[in-house]
N, C-alpha and C. Protein backbone atom coordinates (compact mmCIF):
# COMPACT_ATOMS: atom_id res chain seq x y z
N UNK A 1 208.60 85.56 203.44
CA UNK A 1 207.67 86.66 203.53
C UNK A 1 208.12 87.82 202.65
N UNK A 2 209.40 88.05 202.58
CA UNK A 2 209.93 89.14 201.76
C UNK A 2 209.61 88.87 200.29
N UNK A 3 209.75 87.63 199.86
CA UNK A 3 209.46 87.27 198.47
C UNK A 3 207.98 87.49 198.17
N UNK A 4 207.11 87.05 199.07
CA UNK A 4 205.67 87.22 198.87
C UNK A 4 205.32 88.70 198.76
N UNK A 5 205.89 89.52 199.63
CA UNK A 5 205.62 90.95 199.57
C UNK A 5 206.12 91.54 198.25
N UNK A 6 207.29 91.09 197.80
CA UNK A 6 207.85 91.61 196.56
C UNK A 6 207.06 91.23 195.32
N UNK A 7 206.36 90.12 195.37
CA UNK A 7 205.61 89.69 194.19
C UNK A 7 204.10 89.72 194.42
N UNK A 8 203.68 90.48 195.40
CA UNK A 8 202.26 90.54 195.77
C UNK A 8 201.37 90.95 194.59
N UNK A 9 201.77 91.95 193.83
CA UNK A 9 200.95 92.40 192.69
C UNK A 9 200.83 91.30 191.65
N UNK A 10 201.91 90.60 191.40
CA UNK A 10 201.88 89.49 190.43
C UNK A 10 200.96 88.38 190.93
N UNK A 11 201.05 88.06 192.21
CA UNK A 11 200.19 87.02 192.78
C UNK A 11 198.73 87.42 192.71
N UNK A 12 198.43 88.68 193.00
CA UNK A 12 197.04 89.16 192.93
C UNK A 12 196.51 89.15 191.51
N UNK A 13 197.31 89.63 190.58
CA UNK A 13 196.85 89.81 189.20
C UNK A 13 196.84 88.51 188.39
N UNK A 14 197.92 87.73 188.50
CA UNK A 14 198.08 86.56 187.63
C UNK A 14 197.86 85.22 188.33
N UNK A 15 198.03 85.18 189.63
CA UNK A 15 197.78 83.96 190.39
C UNK A 15 198.58 82.75 189.95
N UNK A 16 199.91 82.87 189.78
CA UNK A 16 200.68 81.69 189.36
C UNK A 16 200.66 80.61 190.44
N UNK A 17 200.80 79.37 190.01
CA UNK A 17 200.95 78.28 190.97
C UNK A 17 202.30 78.44 191.64
N UNK A 18 202.36 78.02 192.89
CA UNK A 18 203.60 78.14 193.66
C UNK A 18 203.99 76.77 194.21
N UNK A 19 205.12 76.26 193.79
CA UNK A 19 205.66 75.02 194.33
C UNK A 19 206.67 75.42 195.40
N UNK A 20 206.36 75.06 196.65
CA UNK A 20 207.11 75.60 197.78
C UNK A 20 207.57 74.47 198.70
N UNK A 21 208.77 74.60 199.20
CA UNK A 21 209.25 73.73 200.26
C UNK A 21 209.08 74.48 201.57
N UNK A 22 208.40 73.87 202.51
CA UNK A 22 208.20 74.46 203.82
C UNK A 22 209.18 73.81 204.79
N UNK A 23 210.02 74.60 205.42
CA UNK A 23 211.04 74.10 206.35
C UNK A 23 210.79 74.68 207.74
N UNK A 24 209.78 74.18 208.45
CA UNK A 24 209.46 74.76 209.76
C UNK A 24 210.60 74.63 210.76
N UNK A 25 211.39 73.57 210.64
CA UNK A 25 212.49 73.36 211.58
C UNK A 25 213.55 74.46 211.43
N UNK A 26 213.76 74.92 210.20
CA UNK A 26 214.76 75.96 209.96
C UNK A 26 214.19 77.37 210.12
N UNK A 27 212.97 77.56 209.66
CA UNK A 27 212.37 78.89 209.63
C UNK A 27 211.61 79.21 210.91
N UNK A 28 210.98 78.21 211.49
CA UNK A 28 210.16 78.40 212.68
C UNK A 28 208.69 78.31 212.34
N UNK A 29 207.95 77.71 213.24
CA UNK A 29 206.52 77.47 213.02
C UNK A 29 205.74 78.76 212.81
N UNK A 30 206.03 79.78 213.59
CA UNK A 30 205.26 81.03 213.48
C UNK A 30 205.46 81.70 212.13
N UNK A 31 206.67 81.64 211.59
CA UNK A 31 206.93 82.23 210.27
C UNK A 31 206.24 81.45 209.16
N UNK A 32 206.20 80.12 209.30
CA UNK A 32 205.51 79.29 208.31
C UNK A 32 204.02 79.61 208.33
N UNK A 33 203.44 79.69 209.51
CA UNK A 33 202.01 80.01 209.61
C UNK A 33 201.74 81.40 209.06
N UNK A 34 202.60 82.35 209.34
CA UNK A 34 202.45 83.71 208.79
C UNK A 34 202.50 83.68 207.26
N UNK A 35 203.41 82.90 206.72
CA UNK A 35 203.54 82.74 205.26
C UNK A 35 202.27 82.13 204.68
N UNK A 36 201.78 81.06 205.30
CA UNK A 36 200.56 80.40 204.83
C UNK A 36 199.36 81.33 204.91
N UNK A 37 199.27 82.09 205.97
CA UNK A 37 198.16 83.03 206.13
C UNK A 37 198.21 84.11 205.05
N UNK A 38 199.42 84.56 204.70
CA UNK A 38 199.56 85.55 203.62
C UNK A 38 199.07 84.98 202.30
N UNK A 39 199.45 83.73 202.01
CA UNK A 39 198.97 83.09 200.78
C UNK A 39 197.46 82.95 200.79
N UNK A 40 196.92 82.54 201.93
CA UNK A 40 195.47 82.38 202.04
C UNK A 40 194.76 83.71 201.81
N UNK A 41 195.30 84.78 202.37
CA UNK A 41 194.71 86.11 202.18
C UNK A 41 194.74 86.57 200.73
N UNK A 42 195.68 86.02 199.96
CA UNK A 42 195.77 86.34 198.53
C UNK A 42 194.88 85.42 197.70
N UNK A 43 194.16 84.51 198.35
CA UNK A 43 193.24 83.63 197.64
C UNK A 43 193.80 82.27 197.28
N UNK A 44 194.95 81.92 197.84
CA UNK A 44 195.59 80.65 197.52
C UNK A 44 195.08 79.53 198.43
N UNK A 45 195.11 78.33 197.89
CA UNK A 45 194.79 77.13 198.67
C UNK A 45 195.81 76.04 198.31
N UNK A 46 195.82 75.00 199.13
CA UNK A 46 196.75 73.90 198.91
C UNK A 46 196.17 72.98 197.85
N UNK A 47 196.91 72.78 196.78
CA UNK A 47 196.48 71.83 195.76
C UNK A 47 196.89 70.41 196.16
N UNK A 48 198.15 70.27 196.62
CA UNK A 48 198.62 69.02 197.18
C UNK A 48 199.86 69.27 198.03
N UNK A 49 200.19 68.26 198.85
CA UNK A 49 201.29 68.35 199.80
C UNK A 49 201.86 66.96 200.03
N UNK A 50 203.17 66.86 200.25
CA UNK A 50 203.74 65.60 200.71
C UNK A 50 204.98 65.87 201.55
N UNK A 51 205.27 64.92 202.43
CA UNK A 51 206.45 65.02 203.27
C UNK A 51 207.68 64.74 202.43
N UNK A 52 208.76 65.40 202.76
CA UNK A 52 210.00 65.21 201.99
C UNK A 52 210.84 64.11 202.60
N UNK A 53 210.44 62.90 202.34
CA UNK A 53 211.25 61.77 202.75
C UNK A 53 211.68 60.99 201.53
N UNK A 54 211.67 61.64 200.41
CA UNK A 54 211.98 60.94 199.17
C UNK A 54 213.43 60.49 199.11
N UNK A 55 214.29 61.04 199.95
CA UNK A 55 215.69 60.66 199.94
C UNK A 55 215.98 59.39 200.75
N UNK A 56 215.03 58.95 201.55
CA UNK A 56 215.22 57.74 202.32
C UNK A 56 214.99 56.52 201.43
N UNK A 57 215.85 55.52 201.52
CA UNK A 57 215.70 54.35 200.66
C UNK A 57 214.30 53.74 200.75
N UNK A 58 213.69 53.54 199.62
CA UNK A 58 212.38 52.92 199.44
C UNK A 58 211.22 53.68 200.06
N UNK A 59 211.45 54.52 201.04
CA UNK A 59 210.35 55.23 201.71
C UNK A 59 209.60 56.12 200.72
N UNK A 60 210.32 56.72 199.78
CA UNK A 60 209.70 57.64 198.84
C UNK A 60 208.63 56.96 198.00
N UNK A 61 208.74 55.66 197.81
CA UNK A 61 207.74 54.95 197.02
C UNK A 61 206.38 54.87 197.70
N UNK A 62 206.37 55.06 199.01
CA UNK A 62 205.13 54.91 199.77
C UNK A 62 204.55 56.24 200.25
N UNK A 63 205.16 57.34 199.82
CA UNK A 63 204.63 58.65 200.21
C UNK A 63 203.26 58.86 199.59
N UNK A 64 202.40 59.46 200.35
CA UNK A 64 201.05 59.75 199.86
C UNK A 64 200.88 61.26 199.71
N UNK A 65 200.27 61.61 198.62
CA UNK A 65 199.96 63.02 198.41
C UNK A 65 198.75 63.35 199.28
N UNK A 66 198.84 64.45 199.96
CA UNK A 66 197.75 64.92 200.83
C UNK A 66 197.12 66.15 200.21
N UNK A 67 195.89 66.41 200.58
CA UNK A 67 195.17 67.59 200.09
C UNK A 67 194.49 68.32 201.26
N UNK A 68 195.29 68.87 202.16
CA UNK A 68 194.69 69.57 203.30
C UNK A 68 194.17 70.95 202.91
N UNK A 69 193.28 71.47 203.72
CA UNK A 69 192.89 72.87 203.56
C UNK A 69 194.00 73.74 204.16
N UNK A 70 193.95 75.02 203.91
CA UNK A 70 194.95 75.92 204.49
C UNK A 70 194.87 75.87 206.02
N UNK A 71 193.65 75.85 206.57
CA UNK A 71 193.50 75.79 208.02
C UNK A 71 194.10 74.51 208.58
N UNK A 72 193.85 73.39 207.90
CA UNK A 72 194.42 72.13 208.36
C UNK A 72 195.94 72.16 208.32
N UNK A 73 196.50 72.74 207.28
CA UNK A 73 197.95 72.83 207.17
C UNK A 73 198.53 73.74 208.25
N UNK A 74 197.88 74.88 208.51
CA UNK A 74 198.38 75.80 209.53
C UNK A 74 198.33 75.18 210.92
N UNK A 75 197.44 74.23 211.13
CA UNK A 75 197.31 73.57 212.43
C UNK A 75 197.94 72.18 212.45
N UNK A 76 198.63 71.82 211.39
CA UNK A 76 199.27 70.50 211.29
C UNK A 76 200.42 70.42 212.29
N UNK A 77 200.49 69.37 213.11
CA UNK A 77 201.59 69.26 214.08
C UNK A 77 202.97 69.21 213.42
N UNK A 78 203.04 68.80 212.17
CA UNK A 78 204.34 68.75 211.49
C UNK A 78 204.94 70.14 211.33
N UNK A 79 204.10 71.16 211.32
CA UNK A 79 204.59 72.53 211.20
C UNK A 79 205.36 72.94 212.46
N UNK A 80 204.98 72.40 213.60
CA UNK A 80 205.61 72.77 214.87
C UNK A 80 206.62 71.76 215.39
N UNK A 81 206.39 70.48 215.12
CA UNK A 81 207.13 69.44 215.82
C UNK A 81 208.06 68.60 214.96
N UNK A 82 207.99 68.69 213.66
CA UNK A 82 208.70 67.75 212.81
C UNK A 82 209.86 68.43 212.09
N UNK A 83 211.05 67.84 212.11
CA UNK A 83 212.20 68.46 211.43
C UNK A 83 212.19 68.29 209.91
N UNK A 84 211.28 67.44 209.38
CA UNK A 84 211.25 67.21 207.94
C UNK A 84 210.57 68.37 207.22
N UNK A 85 211.01 68.61 206.02
CA UNK A 85 210.38 69.62 205.19
C UNK A 85 209.14 69.04 204.52
N UNK A 86 208.26 69.92 204.12
CA UNK A 86 207.06 69.55 203.37
C UNK A 86 207.14 70.26 202.02
N UNK A 87 206.69 69.59 200.98
CA UNK A 87 206.61 70.21 199.67
C UNK A 87 205.13 70.40 199.36
N UNK A 88 204.77 71.60 198.93
CA UNK A 88 203.37 71.91 198.67
C UNK A 88 203.22 72.68 197.37
N UNK A 89 202.12 72.41 196.69
CA UNK A 89 201.75 73.18 195.52
C UNK A 89 200.53 74.01 195.90
N UNK A 90 200.65 75.32 195.76
CA UNK A 90 199.56 76.24 196.07
C UNK A 90 199.02 76.80 194.76
N UNK A 91 197.71 76.94 194.70
CA UNK A 91 197.09 77.51 193.51
C UNK A 91 195.98 78.47 193.92
N UNK A 92 195.63 79.31 192.97
CA UNK A 92 194.61 80.33 193.20
C UNK A 92 193.60 80.23 192.08
N UNK A 93 192.33 80.14 192.44
CA UNK A 93 191.28 80.14 191.42
C UNK A 93 191.06 81.59 191.01
N UNK A 94 191.24 81.86 189.73
CA UNK A 94 191.17 83.24 189.23
C UNK A 94 189.80 83.61 188.69
N UNK A 95 188.92 82.64 188.53
CA UNK A 95 187.61 82.92 187.98
C UNK A 95 187.60 82.72 186.48
N UNK A 96 186.47 82.36 185.96
CA UNK A 96 186.35 82.03 184.55
C UNK A 96 186.56 83.22 183.62
N UNK A 97 186.33 84.42 184.11
CA UNK A 97 186.43 85.61 183.26
C UNK A 97 187.75 86.36 183.44
N UNK A 98 188.72 85.68 184.04
CA UNK A 98 190.03 86.30 184.21
C UNK A 98 190.76 86.29 182.86
N UNK A 99 191.51 87.35 182.52
CA UNK A 99 192.19 87.43 181.22
C UNK A 99 193.08 86.22 180.91
N UNK A 100 193.70 85.61 181.92
CA UNK A 100 194.55 84.44 181.67
C UNK A 100 193.72 83.31 181.08
N UNK A 101 192.51 83.08 181.62
CA UNK A 101 191.64 82.03 181.12
C UNK A 101 191.07 82.38 179.76
N UNK A 102 190.78 83.65 179.54
CA UNK A 102 190.22 84.07 178.25
C UNK A 102 191.26 83.88 177.15
N UNK A 103 192.53 84.22 177.41
CA UNK A 103 193.57 84.01 176.40
C UNK A 103 193.79 82.54 176.11
N UNK A 104 193.70 81.72 177.14
CA UNK A 104 193.92 80.29 176.98
C UNK A 104 192.85 79.64 176.13
N UNK A 105 191.64 80.18 176.17
CA UNK A 105 190.54 79.56 175.42
C UNK A 105 190.49 80.05 173.96
N UNK A 106 191.24 81.08 173.62
CA UNK A 106 191.23 81.62 172.25
C UNK A 106 191.97 80.73 171.28
């Protein structure tokens, strides 16, 4: 939460993608939900998500990328009950007339 507050202007203005590891077991479910709600309020949504079991032998080959909504993620039982971390990519649609898109098309 401290990081999000510190970079709030950058997130609002430029909308960079955020690759984040969510550790509800270490941080606590309420803090994770608060973090997700802050991102949602800034216009972010989940681009993709997967469970971090890539270190288990062969299991990583069968992981499926998920595409939940922010509401689905905030209500996901893994946020409250599962000790495994989740990796998520969050993105923000900035609109076609945003300066970042205009520079990219030049």
